[in-house]
């Protein structure tokens, strides 16, 4: 590696603007602010709801009142 052309790599604090959580990471930036982190993001906290969309065939059968033949 050539000397003098690479940016300084340092340990910086990352601050979440939403919940105020702070943690350290390595970066070339001096300061990092993020909107959401793993402490307050709905996906990681379990507050996110996931609804399964019915398939095309199921919607067609429901629309025309068609039941499965067994």
C-alpha atoms as a PDB file:
ATOM      1  CA  UNK A   1       0.000   0.000   0.000  1.00  0.00           C
ATOM      2  CA  UNK A   2       1.198   3.485  -0.773  1.00  0.00           C
ATOM      3  CA  UNK A   3       1.781   5.769   2.175  1.00  0.00           C
ATOM      4  CA  UNK A   4      -0.115   9.044   2.561  1.00  0.00           C
ATOM      5  CA  UNK A   5      -3.035   8.325   0.173  1.00  0.00           C
ATOM      6  CA  UNK A   6      -5.377   6.401   2.452  1.00  0.00           C
ATOM      7  CA  UNK A   7      -7.860   8.113   4.803  1.00  0.00           C
ATOM      8  CA  UNK A   8      -7.427   7.760   8.566  1.00  0.00           C
ATOM      9  CA  UNK A   9      -9.377   4.824   9.987  1.00  0.00           C
ATOM     10  CA  UNK A  10     -10.586   5.468  13.524  1.00  0.00           C
ATOM     11  CA  UNK A  11     -13.107   4.343  16.110  1.00  0.00           C
ATOM     12  CA  UNK A  12     -16.137   6.680  16.081  1.00  0.00           C
ATOM     13  CA  UNK A  13     -19.414   6.854  17.998  1.00  0.00           C
ATOM     14  CA  UNK A  14     -22.637   6.196  16.143  1.00  0.00           C
ATOM     15  CA  UNK A  15     -25.664   7.947  17.610  1.00  0.00           C
ATOM     16  CA  UNK A  16     -29.287   7.001  16.864  1.00  0.00           C
ATOM     17  CA  UNK A  17     -31.406  10.126  16.521  1.00  0.00           C
ATOM     18  CA  UNK A  18     -34.653   8.283  17.322  1.00  0.00           C
ATOM     19  CA  UNK A  19     -33.827   6.543  20.606  1.00  0.00           C
ATOM     20  CA  UNK A  20     -30.469   8.052  21.598  1.00  0.00           C
ATOM     21  CA  UNK A  21     -28.575   4.738  21.570  1.00  0.00           C
ATOM     22  CA  UNK A  22     -24.804   5.094  21.092  1.00  0.00           C
ATOM     23  CA  UNK A  23     -22.253   2.492  20.016  1.00  0.00           C
ATOM     24  CA  UNK A  24     -18.777   2.474  18.508  1.00  0.00           C
ATOM     25  CA  UNK A  25     -17.669   1.320  15.071  1.00  0.00           C
ATOM     26  CA  UNK A  26     -14.606   1.770  12.912  1.00  0.00           C
ATOM     27  CA  UNK A  27     -14.931   4.335  10.133  1.00  0.00           C
ATOM     28  CA  UNK A  28     -13.144   7.046   8.182  1.00  0.00           C
ATOM     29  CA  UNK A  29     -15.882   9.542   9.138  1.00  0.00           C
ATOM     30  CA  UNK A  30     -15.501  11.615  12.302  1.00  0.00           C
ATOM     31  CA  UNK A  31     -19.104  11.268  13.477  1.00  0.00           C
ATOM     32  CA  UNK A  32     -22.088   9.185  12.358  1.00  0.00           C
ATOM     33  CA  UNK A  33     -25.753   9.879  13.103  1.00  0.00           C
ATOM     34  CA  UNK A  34     -28.404   7.391  12.045  1.00  0.00           C
ATOM     35  CA  UNK A  35     -32.193   7.641  11.956  1.00  0.00           C
ATOM     36  CA  UNK A  36     -33.024   4.195  13.352  1.00  0.00           C
ATOM     37  CA  UNK A  37     -30.928   1.476  14.920  1.00  0.00           C
ATOM     38  CA  UNK A  38     -31.466  -2.157  15.885  1.00  0.00           C
ATOM     39  CA  UNK A  39     -32.810  -1.086  19.306  1.00  0.00           C
ATOM     40  CA  UNK A  40     -35.705   0.971  17.899  1.00  0.00           C
ATOM     41  CA  UNK A  41     -36.335  -0.462  14.382  1.00  0.00           C
ATOM     42  CA  UNK A  42     -39.680  -2.342  14.209  1.00  0.00           C
ATOM     43  CA  UNK A  43     -38.147  -5.326  12.384  1.00  0.00           C
ATOM     44  CA  UNK A  44     -35.673  -6.045  15.183  1.00  0.00           C
ATOM     45  CA  UNK A  45     -37.986  -5.179  18.100  1.00  0.00           C
ATOM     46  CA  UNK A  46     -40.769  -7.509  16.883  1.00  0.00           C
ATOM     47  CA  UNK A  47     -43.358  -4.748  16.544  1.00  0.00           C
ATOM     48  CA  UNK A  48     -43.525  -5.033  12.767  1.00  0.00           C
ATOM     49  CA  UNK A  49     -46.562  -6.867  11.450  1.00  0.00           C
ATOM     50  CA  UNK A  50     -46.256  -8.987   8.344  1.00  0.00           C
ATOM     51  CA  UNK A  51     -49.387  -9.819   6.415  1.00  0.00           C
ATOM     52  CA  UNK A  52     -49.321 -12.561   3.837  1.00  0.00           C
ATOM     53  CA  UNK A  53     -51.075 -11.633   0.615  1.00  0.00           C
ATOM     54  CA  UNK A  54     -53.301 -14.287  -0.865  1.00  0.00           C
ATOM     55  CA  UNK A  55     -52.153 -15.696  -4.191  1.00  0.00           C
ATOM     56  CA  UNK A  56     -53.821 -15.015  -7.535  1.00  0.00           C
ATOM     57  CA  UNK A  57     -55.499 -18.407  -7.628  1.00  0.00           C
ATOM     58  CA  UNK A  58     -56.907 -17.966  -4.115  1.00  0.00           C
ATOM     59  CA  UNK A  59     -58.294 -14.527  -4.959  1.00  0.00           C
ATOM     60  CA  UNK A  60     -59.864 -15.889  -8.156  1.00  0.00           C
ATOM     61  CA  UNK A  61     -61.515 -18.758  -6.283  1.00  0.00           C
ATOM     62  CA  UNK A  62     -62.779 -16.447  -3.582  1.00  0.00           C
ATOM     63  CA  UNK A  63     -64.163 -13.955  -6.110  1.00  0.00           C
ATOM     64  CA  UNK A  64     -66.150 -16.610  -7.993  1.00  0.00           C
ATOM     65  CA  UNK A  65     -66.972 -18.812  -4.969  1.00  0.00           C
ATOM     66  CA  UNK A  66     -65.084 -21.812  -6.320  1.00  0.00           C
ATOM     67  CA  UNK A  67     -64.191 -24.503  -3.804  1.00  0.00           C
ATOM     68  CA  UNK A  68     -61.483 -27.147  -4.147  1.00  0.00           C
ATOM     69  CA  UNK A  69     -62.658 -30.492  -5.529  1.00  0.00           C
ATOM     70  CA  UNK A  70     -61.616 -33.364  -3.283  1.00  0.00           C
END
